[in-house]
Amino acid sequence: MTGRHTSTTSRPATSRRRLAALLAPAVLPWSLFFFGGDLRLVFAWGLVNPGSVHVVTLWEYLFSFTMGPASLPGRLLAWPVGTLLYVLALASAFGGRVLREDRRLTVGLLALAGGSHLGFAVGNSRPGTVAVPVGVVVLWAVAWWDWTR
């Protein structure tokens, strides 16, 4: 018998690759913002200013530095919404280890997370500011890879 999953070691290797792919957006920056010679990194979990080594978590962004999510315009709310969609995609994928996973849901949530963050990056682009939405590419690549495997 020939095929992709005939080896007893291919399944665990595939699981490890899928785990790495699904967790990549958690550790990679979702956007790079360049302005005035400064760099700001936006991760799923927070904002990082490498110059001053200052970190603002998503929680602080939503509840300490603003008057809550309801006070934010859509372009700023797109980042936490994207993070929520990504967390739901992870829950769908990891829930599939116990129950039956509908991969369409996982892939769809990843794609929507990327789309939401694209709205954040584009919405925060201004003259003199360059936004590079790395996370959008990563989220969409993971969604595509997970769908086609």
Protein backbone atom coordinates (compact mmCIF):
# COMPACT_ATOMS: atom_id res chain seq x y z
CA MET A 1 0.00 0.00 0.00
CA THR A 2 1.38 3.40 -0.92
CA GLY A 3 0.25 6.82 0.20
CA ARG A 4 1.02 9.73 2.41
CA HIS A 5 0.06 8.17 5.73
CA THR A 6 1.26 4.57 5.46
CA SER A 7 4.21 4.90 7.84
CA THR A 8 3.58 4.60 11.56
CA THR A 9 5.86 7.59 12.14
CA SER A 10 4.20 9.90 9.64
CA ARG A 11 1.18 10.63 11.83
CA PRO A 12 3.13 11.91 14.87
CA ALA A 13 5.45 13.87 12.56
CA THR A 14 2.42 15.42 10.87
CA SER A 15 0.93 16.26 14.27
CA ARG A 16 4.16 17.97 15.33
CA ARG A 17 4.30 19.94 12.09
CA ARG A 18 0.68 20.99 12.49
CA LEU A 19 1.28 22.01 16.11
CA ALA A 20 4.29 24.10 15.06
CA ALA A 21 2.31 25.69 12.22
CA LEU A 22 -0.67 26.51 14.44
CA LEU A 23 1.53 28.00 17.18
CA ALA A 24 3.73 30.04 14.81
CA PRO A 25 1.34 33.03 14.80
CA ALA A 26 1.50 33.10 18.62
CA VAL A 27 5.24 33.80 18.63
CA LEU A 28 5.75 35.77 15.40
CA PRO A 29 4.90 39.47 15.15
CA TRP A 30 1.63 40.14 13.37
CA SER A 31 2.65 43.61 12.21
CA LEU A 32 5.77 45.71 12.02
CA PHE A 33 5.20 49.45 12.19
CA PHE A 34 8.04 51.72 11.05
CA PHE A 35 7.73 55.45 11.73
CA GLY A 36 10.20 58.19 12.49
CA GLY A 37 13.09 55.73 12.65
CA ASP A 38 11.28 53.67 15.29
CA LEU A 39 9.99 50.13 15.08
CA ARG A 40 6.92 48.82 16.89
CA LEU A 41 5.98 45.14 16.86
CA VAL A 42 2.40 43.97 17.23
CA PHE A 43 2.01 40.39 18.42
CA ALA A 44 -1.22 38.50 19.05
CA TRP A 45 -0.61 39.00 22.78
CA GLY A 46 0.74 42.58 22.92
CA LEU A 47 2.70 45.52 21.59
CA VAL A 48 6.50 45.66 21.83
CA ASN A 49 8.77 48.66 21.46
CA PRO A 50 12.21 47.08 21.00
CA GLY A 51 13.97 50.46 21.34
CA SER A 52 12.83 51.02 24.91
CA VAL A 53 12.11 47.34 25.58
CA HIS A 54 8.57 48.27 26.57
CA VAL A 55 5.71 45.78 26.37
CA VAL A 56 1.99 46.51 26.52
CA THR A 57 -0.11 43.35 26.78
CA LEU A 58 -3.37 43.04 24.93
CA TRP A 59 -5.17 43.11 28.29
CA GLU A 60 -3.48 46.42 29.22
CA TYR A 61 -4.24 47.81 25.78
CA LEU A 62 -7.93 46.99 26.15
CA PHE A 63 -8.54 47.73 29.84
CA SER A 64 -5.74 49.90 31.28
CA PHE A 65 -4.92 52.35 28.50
CA THR A 66 -8.41 52.69 27.05
CA MET A 67 -11.91 52.77 28.46
CA GLY A 68 -12.56 49.24 27.24
CA PRO A 69 -13.20 47.64 23.86
CA ALA A 70 -16.43 49.59 23.35
CA SER A 71 -14.43 52.84 23.32
CA LEU A 72 -12.17 51.77 20.45
CA PRO A 73 -12.79 52.54 16.77
CA GLY A 74 -13.03 49.55 14.45
CA ARG A 75 -9.51 49.96 13.09
CA LEU A 76 -8.08 49.58 16.62
CA LEU A 77 -10.50 46.85 17.65
CA ALA A 78 -9.52 44.73 14.64
CA TRP A 79 -6.35 43.55 16.42
CA PRO A 80 -8.08 42.08 19.52
CA VAL A 81 -10.81 40.63 17.29
CA GLY A 82 -8.12 38.94 15.17
CA THR A 83 -6.50 37.57 18.31
CA LEU A 84 -9.86 36.22 19.52
CA LEU A 85 -10.44 34.52 16.16
CA TYR A 86 -6.94 33.01 16.33
CA VAL A 87 -7.56 31.69 19.87
CA LEU A 88 -10.84 30.17 18.67
CA ALA A 89 -8.96 28.50 15.78
CA LEU A 90 -6.50 27.03 18.29
CA ALA A 91 -9.38 25.83 20.46
CA SER A 92 -10.98 24.21 17.41
CA ALA A 93 -7.74 22.48 16.42
CA PHE A 94 -6.83 21.30 19.91
CA GLY A 95 -10.43 20.38 20.67
CA GLY A 96 -10.21 18.12 17.64
CA ARG A 97 -7.65 16.02 19.50
CA VAL A 98 -10.41 15.02 21.92
CA LEU A 99 -13.55 15.40 19.83
CA ARG A 100 -14.07 15.45 16.09
CA GLU A 101 -12.62 18.57 14.45
CA ASP A 102 -14.24 20.29 11.50
CA ARG A 103 -11.12 21.54 9.77
CA ARG A 104 -13.22 24.04 7.78
CA LEU A 105 -13.94 25.85 11.05
CA THR A 106 -10.28 25.95 12.08
CA VAL A 107 -9.11 27.13 8.65
CA GLY A 108 -11.93 29.65 8.38
CA LEU A 109 -11.10 31.15 11.77
CA LEU A 110 -7.42 31.43 10.81
CA ALA A 111 -8.35 33.16 7.55
CA LEU A 112 -10.72 35.55 9.35
CA ALA A 113 -8.05 36.32 11.96
CA GLY A 114 -5.70 37.28 9.14
CA GLY A 115 -8.36 39.43 7.51
CA SER A 116 -9.12 41.19 10.76
CA HIS A 117 -5.48 41.96 11.38
CA LEU A 118 -5.09 43.21 7.82
CA GLY A 119 -7.80 45.73 8.70
CA PHE A 120 -5.78 46.74 11.76
CA ALA A 121 -2.55 47.19 9.80
CA VAL A 122 -4.14 49.09 6.93
CA GLY A 123 -6.32 51.15 9.28
CA ASN A 124 -3.27 52.30 11.23
CA SER A 125 -1.14 53.19 8.23
CA ARG A 126 -0.55 56.91 8.02
CA PRO A 127 1.76 59.17 6.00
CA GLY A 128 5.24 58.52 7.35
CA THR A 129 4.20 55.19 8.84
CA VAL A 130 4.85 51.90 7.09
CA ALA A 131 2.87 48.89 8.29
CA VAL A 132 4.09 45.43 7.31
CA PRO A 133 1.34 42.90 8.15
CA VAL A 134 3.56 39.82 8.56
CA GLY A 135 0.96 37.99 10.63
CA VAL A 136 -1.61 38.18 7.86
CA VAL A 137 0.72 36.26 5.57
CA VAL A 138 1.53 33.76 8.34
CA LEU A 139 -2.11 33.20 9.32
CA TRP A 140 -3.22 32.79 5.70
CA ALA A 141 -0.27 30.50 4.92
CA VAL A 142 -1.09 28.29 7.93
CA ALA A 143 -4.76 28.22 6.89
CA TRP A 144 -3.84 27.28 3.31
CA TRP A 145 -1.34 24.63 4.45
CA ASP A 146 -3.80 23.12 6.93
CA TRP A 147 -6.55 23.06 4.30
CA THR A 148 -4.45 21.42 1.59
CA ARG A 149 -2.71 18.74 3.63
